[in-house]
Protein backbone atom coordinates (compact mmCIF):
# COMPACT_ATOMS: atom_id res chain seq x y z
CA MET A 1 45.91 66.16 -25.18
CA ASN A 2 42.85 64.73 -26.44
CA ASN A 3 42.85 66.20 -30.01
CA ASN A 4 46.30 64.76 -30.17
CA THR A 5 45.37 61.28 -29.08
CA GLY A 6 41.92 61.51 -31.79
CA THR A 7 44.60 62.23 -34.52
CA SER A 8 46.70 59.48 -33.68
CA LEU A 9 43.72 57.00 -33.65
CA TRP A 10 42.69 58.16 -37.15
CA GLN A 11 46.63 58.17 -38.23
CA ILE A 12 46.65 54.48 -37.22
CA ALA A 13 43.23 53.80 -38.99
CA ILE A 14 44.48 54.97 -42.17
CA GLN A 15 47.77 53.37 -41.92
CA LYS A 16 45.63 49.92 -40.92
CA PHE A 17 43.16 50.84 -44.02
CA LYS A 18 46.31 51.33 -46.62
CA ARG A 19 47.73 47.98 -45.29
CA SER A 20 44.45 46.05 -46.70
CA LYS A 21 44.92 45.05 -50.44
CA THR A 22 41.37 44.46 -50.83
CA GLY A 23 40.08 47.91 -49.44
CA MET A 24 42.87 49.84 -51.50
CA PHE A 25 41.64 48.26 -54.64
CA SER A 26 38.11 48.78 -53.70
CA PHE A 27 38.48 52.51 -53.04
CA TRP A 28 40.45 52.84 -56.14
CA TYR A 29 37.73 51.01 -57.99
CA ILE A 30 35.21 53.11 -56.32
CA VAL A 31 37.18 56.50 -57.75
CA LEU A 32 37.25 55.28 -61.01
CA CYS A 33 33.50 54.76 -61.24
CA GLY A 34 33.07 58.19 -59.62
CA PHE A 35 35.10 59.57 -62.38
CA ILE A 36 33.17 58.00 -64.96
CA ALA A 37 29.99 59.03 -63.57
CA VAL A 38 31.40 62.40 -63.25
CA PHE A 39 32.78 62.52 -66.95
CA CYS A 40 30.44 59.94 -68.56
CA TYR A 41 29.48 62.24 -71.46
CA VAL A 42 33.21 63.43 -72.20
CA LEU A 43 34.27 59.33 -72.29
CA ALA A 44 31.11 57.90 -74.18
CA PRO A 45 31.58 57.20 -77.69
CA ASP A 46 27.96 58.16 -78.28
CA ASN A 47 27.65 61.45 -76.19
CA SER A 48 24.10 62.04 -77.56
CA ASN A 49 21.57 62.81 -74.60
CA SER A 50 21.21 59.34 -72.97
CA ALA A 51 23.40 57.55 -75.51
CA ASN A 52 20.00 57.27 -77.10
CA GLN A 53 21.37 57.06 -81.04
CA MET A 54 19.30 54.23 -82.27
CA HIS A 55 20.70 51.87 -85.49
CA LEU A 56 17.94 49.11 -85.76
CA GLU A 57 19.58 47.74 -88.41
CA ILE A 58 22.66 46.76 -86.09
CA HIS A 59 20.95 45.71 -82.95
CA SER A 60 22.01 43.04 -80.66
CA LYS A 61 25.67 42.81 -82.42
CA PRO A 62 28.39 41.36 -80.46
CA PRO A 63 31.14 43.21 -78.59
CA GLY A 64 33.65 44.41 -80.73
CA PHE A 65 31.43 44.65 -84.22
CA SER A 66 32.38 47.63 -86.42
CA VAL A 67 30.59 49.00 -89.21
CA GLN A 68 30.52 52.20 -91.44
CA LEU A 69 28.40 54.90 -90.45
CA LEU A 70 26.91 57.73 -92.65
CA SER A 71 26.60 60.81 -90.47
CA ILE A 72 23.79 63.13 -91.55
CA PRO A 73 24.20 66.49 -89.38
CA SER A 74 21.10 67.91 -87.89
CA GLU A 75 19.32 70.51 -89.80
CA VAL A 76 18.23 71.95 -86.35
CA LYS A 77 21.05 73.87 -84.80
CA ASN A 78 20.68 74.64 -80.99
CA GLN A 79 23.45 76.33 -79.37
CA GLN A 80 24.29 74.34 -76.22
CA SER A 81 27.15 75.56 -73.41
CA TRP A 82 29.59 73.26 -72.71
CA PHE A 83 27.91 72.61 -69.28
CA SER A 84 24.98 71.41 -70.98
CA VAL A 85 26.64 69.05 -72.88
CA PHE A 86 28.84 67.89 -69.73
CA MET A 87 25.52 67.25 -67.81
CA LYS A 88 23.01 65.89 -70.70
CA GLY A 89 24.74 65.37 -73.87
CA LYS A 90 24.37 66.67 -76.92
CA GLN A 91 20.82 67.26 -77.59
CA ASN A 92 20.29 67.52 -81.54
CA SER A 93 22.84 64.89 -82.89
CA SER A 94 23.27 63.73 -86.41
CA THR A 95 21.28 60.87 -87.78
CA GLU A 96 23.54 58.00 -88.47
CA ILE A 97 22.90 55.23 -91.02
CA PRO A 98 24.83 52.04 -91.53
CA ILE A 99 26.47 51.02 -94.45
CA LYS A 100 28.16 48.01 -96.35
CA SER A 101 29.98 50.10 -98.95
CA PHE A 102 29.65 53.72 -100.78
CA SER A 103 31.01 54.90 -103.91
CA VAL A 104 31.00 58.40 -105.70
CA LYS A 105 29.51 58.56 -109.12
CA ASN A 106 28.51 61.52 -111.67
CA ASN A 107 28.81 63.68 -108.45
CA GLN A 108 26.38 61.67 -106.24
CA LEU A 109 27.45 59.47 -103.23
CA GLU A 110 26.04 56.29 -103.63
CA VAL A 111 25.55 54.53 -100.44
CA ILE A 112 24.46 50.39 -99.92
CA LYS A 113 22.38 50.37 -96.79
CA TYR A 114 23.37 47.80 -94.02
CA SER A 115 19.76 46.86 -93.66
CA ASP A 116 18.31 45.86 -97.05
CA GLY A 117 21.36 46.29 -99.25
CA LEU A 118 19.80 48.86 -101.44
CA PRO A 119 21.71 51.61 -102.82
CA LYS A 120 20.65 55.55 -102.06
CA GLU A 121 22.36 58.33 -103.16
CA PHE A 122 23.35 61.70 -101.43
CA PRO A 123 25.19 64.79 -102.14
CA ALA A 124 28.90 63.78 -102.75
CA SER A 125 29.94 66.45 -99.97
CA TYR A 126 28.36 63.76 -97.53
CA GLU A 127 31.54 61.59 -98.37
CA LYS A 128 33.54 63.33 -95.42
CA TYR A 129 30.44 62.35 -92.97
CA ILE A 130 31.37 58.67 -93.44
CA GLN A 131 33.15 57.30 -90.77
CA GLN A 132 34.04 53.41 -89.48
CA LYS A 133 32.69 52.67 -85.85
CA THR A 134 33.59 50.20 -83.49
CA PHE A 135 31.16 49.31 -80.75
CA TYR A 136 33.45 47.82 -78.21
CA LEU A 137 30.63 46.09 -76.28
CA GLY A 138 28.34 45.53 -79.01
CA THR A 139 24.86 47.08 -79.16
CA ASP A 140 21.58 46.59 -77.02
CA LYS A 141 17.98 45.63 -78.89
CA TYR A 142 17.66 48.85 -80.36
CA GLY A 143 21.14 49.29 -81.89
CA ARG A 144 22.62 51.67 -79.06
CA ASP A 145 25.90 51.70 -78.39
CA LEU A 146 25.83 49.33 -75.00
CA LEU A 147 29.32 50.78 -73.56
CA SER A 148 27.95 54.62 -73.83
CA ARG A 149 25.02 53.42 -71.91
CA LEU A 150 26.84 51.41 -69.72
CA LEU A 151 28.94 54.67 -68.89
CA ILE A 152 26.29 57.10 -68.55
CA GLY A 153 24.20 54.63 -66.42
CA ALA A 154 26.94 54.56 -63.97
CA ARG A 155 25.88 58.30 -63.01
CA ILE A 156 22.58 57.06 -61.98
CA SER A 157 23.97 54.25 -59.55
CA PHE A 158 26.70 56.04 -58.29
CA PHE A 159 25.11 59.01 -57.48
CA ILE A 160 21.86 57.51 -56.06
CA GLY A 161 24.30 56.24 -53.41
CA PHE A 162 25.42 59.44 -52.39
CA ILE A 163 22.13 61.02 -52.05
CA ALA A 164 20.51 58.34 -50.31
CA VAL A 165 23.25 58.05 -47.77
CA PHE A 166 23.18 61.76 -47.58
CA ILE A 167 19.18 61.79 -46.65
CA SER A 168 19.50 58.52 -44.61
CA LEU A 169 22.19 60.41 -42.27
CA LEU A 170 20.42 63.80 -42.34
CA ILE A 171 17.26 62.00 -40.84
CA GLY A 172 18.89 59.20 -38.77
CA ILE A 173 21.70 60.97 -36.81
CA PRO A 174 19.17 63.35 -35.40
CA ILE A 175 16.69 61.32 -34.43
CA GLY A 176 19.22 58.71 -33.16
CA ALA A 177 21.01 60.59 -31.36
CA ILE A 178 17.69 62.34 -29.60
CA ALA A 179 16.51 59.03 -28.88
CA GLY A 180 19.61 57.98 -27.12
CA TYR A 181 20.59 61.03 -25.23
CA PHE A 182 17.31 61.84 -23.71
CA GLY A 183 15.71 58.49 -23.29
CA GLY A 184 12.61 57.85 -21.45
CA LYS A 185 9.49 58.36 -23.38
CA ILE A 186 10.77 60.08 -26.33
CA ASP A 187 13.12 57.17 -26.93
CA ASP A 188 10.40 54.73 -26.58
CA PHE A 189 8.26 56.87 -29.24
CA ILE A 190 11.26 56.84 -31.80
CA MET A 191 11.99 53.15 -31.44
CA TRP A 192 8.01 52.73 -31.82
CA VAL A 193 8.41 54.43 -35.05
CA ILE A 194 11.53 52.71 -36.16
CA ASN A 195 10.17 49.70 -35.20
CA ILE A 196 6.97 49.99 -37.61
CA THR A 197 9.25 51.44 -40.52
CA TRP A 198 11.78 48.44 -39.93
CA SER A 199 9.04 45.91 -40.25
CA ILE A 200 8.09 46.88 -43.58
CA PRO A 201 10.16 45.29 -46.29
CA THR A 202 12.04 47.68 -47.67
CA LEU A 203 11.66 47.43 -51.49
CA LEU A 204 7.76 47.73 -50.98
CA LEU A 205 8.46 51.03 -48.96
CA VAL A 206 10.22 52.35 -51.63
CA ILE A 207 7.74 51.31 -54.07
CA ALA A 208 5.15 53.04 -52.34
CA ILE A 209 7.19 56.01 -51.96
CA THR A 210 7.93 56.27 -55.51
CA LEU A 211 4.41 55.88 -56.58
CA ALA A 212 3.12 58.65 -54.12
CA LEU A 213 6.04 61.10 -55.48
CA GLY A 214 6.08 59.76 -59.08
CA LYS A 215 8.36 57.76 -61.34
CA GLY A 216 11.62 60.00 -62.24
CA PHE A 217 15.15 60.26 -61.49
CA TRP A 218 14.96 62.12 -58.60
CA GLN A 219 11.86 60.85 -56.83
CA VAL A 220 14.10 57.38 -56.74
CA PHE A 221 16.61 59.14 -55.07
CA ILE A 222 14.53 60.39 -52.46
CA ALA A 223 12.72 57.44 -51.84
CA VAL A 224 15.76 55.31 -51.37
CA GLY A 225 16.67 57.64 -48.93
CA LEU A 226 13.73 57.83 -46.78
CA THR A 227 14.14 54.21 -46.33
CA MET A 228 17.35 53.96 -44.95
CA TRP A 229 17.56 56.25 -42.11
CA VAL A 230 16.22 53.46 -40.07
CA GLU A 231 19.84 51.54 -39.84
CA VAL A 232 21.43 54.83 -39.55
CA ALA A 233 19.27 55.97 -36.14
CA ARG A 234 19.72 52.22 -34.29
CA VAL A 235 23.46 52.76 -34.69
CA VAL A 236 23.61 56.03 -33.57
CA ARG A 237 21.11 55.42 -30.73
CA GLY A 238 22.82 52.58 -29.45
CA GLN A 239 26.10 54.59 -29.60
CA VAL A 240 25.02 57.56 -27.90
CA ILE A 241 23.33 55.51 -25.13
CA THR A 242 26.98 53.86 -24.34
CA THR A 243 28.84 57.32 -24.81
CA LYS A 244 26.53 59.71 -22.94
CA GLN A 245 28.06 57.53 -19.90
CA GLN A 246 31.58 58.65 -20.24
CA GLN A 247 32.96 61.12 -18.22
CA TYR A 248 33.65 63.87 -20.38
CA VAL A 249 29.94 63.67 -21.18
CA GLU A 250 29.25 64.17 -17.40
CA ALA A 251 31.60 67.23 -17.19
CA ALA A 252 30.42 68.82 -20.25
CA LYS A 253 26.90 68.67 -18.46
CA ALA A 254 28.52 69.84 -15.00
CA LEU A 255 30.08 73.06 -17.34
CA GLY A 256 26.43 73.91 -18.35
CA PHE A 257 26.80 72.88 -21.65
CA SER A 258 23.56 72.88 -23.84
CA ASP A 259 22.10 69.50 -24.81
CA PHE A 260 22.61 70.59 -28.53
CA ARG A 261 26.26 71.22 -28.15
CA ILE A 262 27.14 68.02 -26.18
CA ILE A 263 25.10 65.67 -28.74
CA PHE A 264 26.62 67.17 -31.69
CA LYS A 265 30.31 68.71 -30.61
CA HIS A 266 31.43 66.12 -27.99
CA ILE A 267 29.16 62.85 -28.43
CA LEU A 268 28.98 62.60 -32.27
CA PRO A 269 32.53 63.11 -33.22
CA ASN A 270 33.48 60.33 -30.95
CA ILE A 271 30.78 57.82 -32.70
CA LEU A 272 31.83 58.80 -36.27
CA ALA A 273 33.46 55.26 -37.07
CA PRO A 274 30.19 53.01 -36.98
CA ILE A 275 28.57 55.74 -38.97
CA ILE A 276 30.64 55.46 -41.80
CA VAL A 277 30.80 51.56 -41.70
CA ILE A 278 27.27 51.75 -42.04
CA SER A 279 27.46 54.64 -44.91
CA ALA A 280 29.60 52.47 -46.86
CA ALA A 281 26.91 49.27 -46.29
CA ASN A 282 24.05 51.54 -47.12
CA PHE A 283 25.63 52.87 -50.45
CA ALA A 284 25.55 49.39 -51.66
CA ALA A 285 22.28 49.06 -50.55
CA ALA A 286 21.05 51.95 -52.13
CA ILE A 287 22.57 50.53 -55.66
CA LEU A 288 20.85 47.33 -55.46
CA ILE A 289 17.33 48.94 -54.34
CA GLU A 290 17.67 51.41 -57.23
CA SER A 291 18.68 48.29 -59.93
CA GLY A 292 15.37 46.57 -58.58
CA LEU A 293 13.31 49.49 -59.13
CA SER A 294 14.60 50.10 -62.57
CA PHE A 295 14.20 46.41 -63.62
CA LEU A 296 10.45 46.63 -62.23
CA GLY A 297 10.11 49.87 -64.55
CA ILE A 298 9.48 52.51 -61.68
CA GLY A 299 13.09 53.57 -61.63
CA ALA A 300 14.74 55.99 -64.32
CA GLN A 301 12.07 56.31 -67.17
CA PRO A 302 13.56 55.49 -70.98
CA PRO A 303 15.73 56.54 -72.65
CA THR A 304 17.63 57.22 -69.48
CA PRO A 305 20.06 54.41 -69.15
CA SER A 306 20.19 52.51 -65.86
CA TRP A 307 21.99 49.18 -65.42
CA GLY A 308 18.73 47.83 -63.71
CA ALA A 309 16.64 48.93 -66.87
CA MET A 310 19.49 47.49 -69.35
CA ILE A 311 19.19 44.05 -67.36
CA LYS A 312 15.31 44.42 -67.60
CA ASN A 313 15.13 45.19 -71.52
CA HIS A 314 17.70 42.23 -72.38
CA TYR A 315 17.33 39.33 -69.58
CA ASN A 316 15.30 37.19 -72.00
CA TYR A 317 18.36 37.28 -74.61
CA ILE A 318 20.40 34.97 -71.81
CA ILE A 319 18.67 32.01 -73.43
CA LEU A 320 18.82 33.63 -77.13
CA GLY A 321 22.54 33.27 -77.44
CA LYS A 322 23.30 36.76 -76.44
CA PRO A 323 23.83 36.76 -72.87
CA PHE A 324 26.17 39.57 -72.92
CA LEU A 325 23.31 42.27 -73.30
CA ALA A 326 22.49 41.33 -69.37
CA LEU A 327 25.48 39.92 -67.88
CA ILE A 328 27.67 43.09 -68.95
CA PRO A 329 25.40 45.81 -66.77
CA GLY A 330 24.83 42.77 -64.21
CA LEU A 331 28.58 42.51 -63.56
CA ALA A 332 29.10 46.37 -63.44
CA ILE A 333 26.52 46.04 -60.60
CA MET A 334 27.81 43.26 -58.79
CA SER A 335 31.20 44.74 -59.14
CA LEU A 336 30.55 48.26 -57.66
CA VAL A 337 28.39 46.77 -54.83
CA MET A 338 30.94 44.32 -53.96
CA ALA A 339 33.73 47.57 -53.95
CA PHE A 340 31.18 49.17 -51.39
CA MET A 341 31.02 45.98 -49.18
CA LEU A 342 34.82 45.28 -49.31
CA ILE A 343 35.57 48.88 -48.37
CA GLY A 344 32.92 48.51 -45.71
CA ASN A 345 34.52 45.31 -44.15
CA THR A 346 37.93 47.16 -44.28
CA LEU A 347 36.72 50.39 -42.72
CA ARG A 348 35.26 48.39 -39.61
CA ASP A 349 38.52 46.28 -39.26
CA ALA A 350 40.47 49.79 -39.42
CA LEU A 351 38.43 51.92 -37.09
CA ASP A 352 37.95 49.15 -34.36
CA VAL A 353 39.75 50.44 -31.54
CA LYS A 354 40.20 46.93 -29.86
CA ALA A 355 41.84 45.22 -32.94
């Protein structure tokens, strides 16, 4: 009977969620961002490692800029597995030279370089390596494809949310459940730790942990996760204090079930709704914190693309007549954070039993 009731309540919540247009739009937008994050090197026009193919001659070009490129194959041939290319991109990409025009004379390929307009000769066989390339979102200050770096940067911004939320749940749920279930001195001690951690500004705490662990990709993920468990623990503690007074918990104690079984098999499954809502909010917060760290220079290190780092490198271009260089990654951060906040609000309404 209880199982059927539980199932029907979840079905009602799913139906209420599906009726929300903003919730469904946010859900499919997050799914799209997740797809892009996973297959970024497949989708990116520049699938070199970190989309770091520089063309200083064509830096800071507007969206839609098109130019001819002579791609000179790399002399170093390293065999890469498809999985390595999928995860890290191509290690040894060709050297690309922007050109204005080209012609074949006396069995030699003569190109006019984009940078200085001077001619340069190559073997005639190199003609097949000339192609027209369009930079759909323009180029950054180093002449790198902005679209490719935006797509690859989505991997960091998206997966930091997953890892940070996972770490926060892994730490926060057991601590909050133990504090709420046992109470007394255990609850007092845990709440003392939570209040101390809560009193420290989140960004300062993340910076301190990052500096202790070192700069890098995974260090930021761990640092953000270690600062977000407090909110989860407080929510879980409050829910457990209320739920442990229910009759089915008293019945489980009377049957001699262990405290561990009562907490994790009987109480936690019934307080999943607020945990899901707080996880969605933490997902959005993790993206913002990572962007802030990258903007300060202690997030993902160059040349790894990150939306926050892209803003840091180009925010001064806003007053130089090329605001798109900073606004495009800014809009990407804003849209993804807003999607998670909207889906969190929709989940809160859908999982509200009183509504």
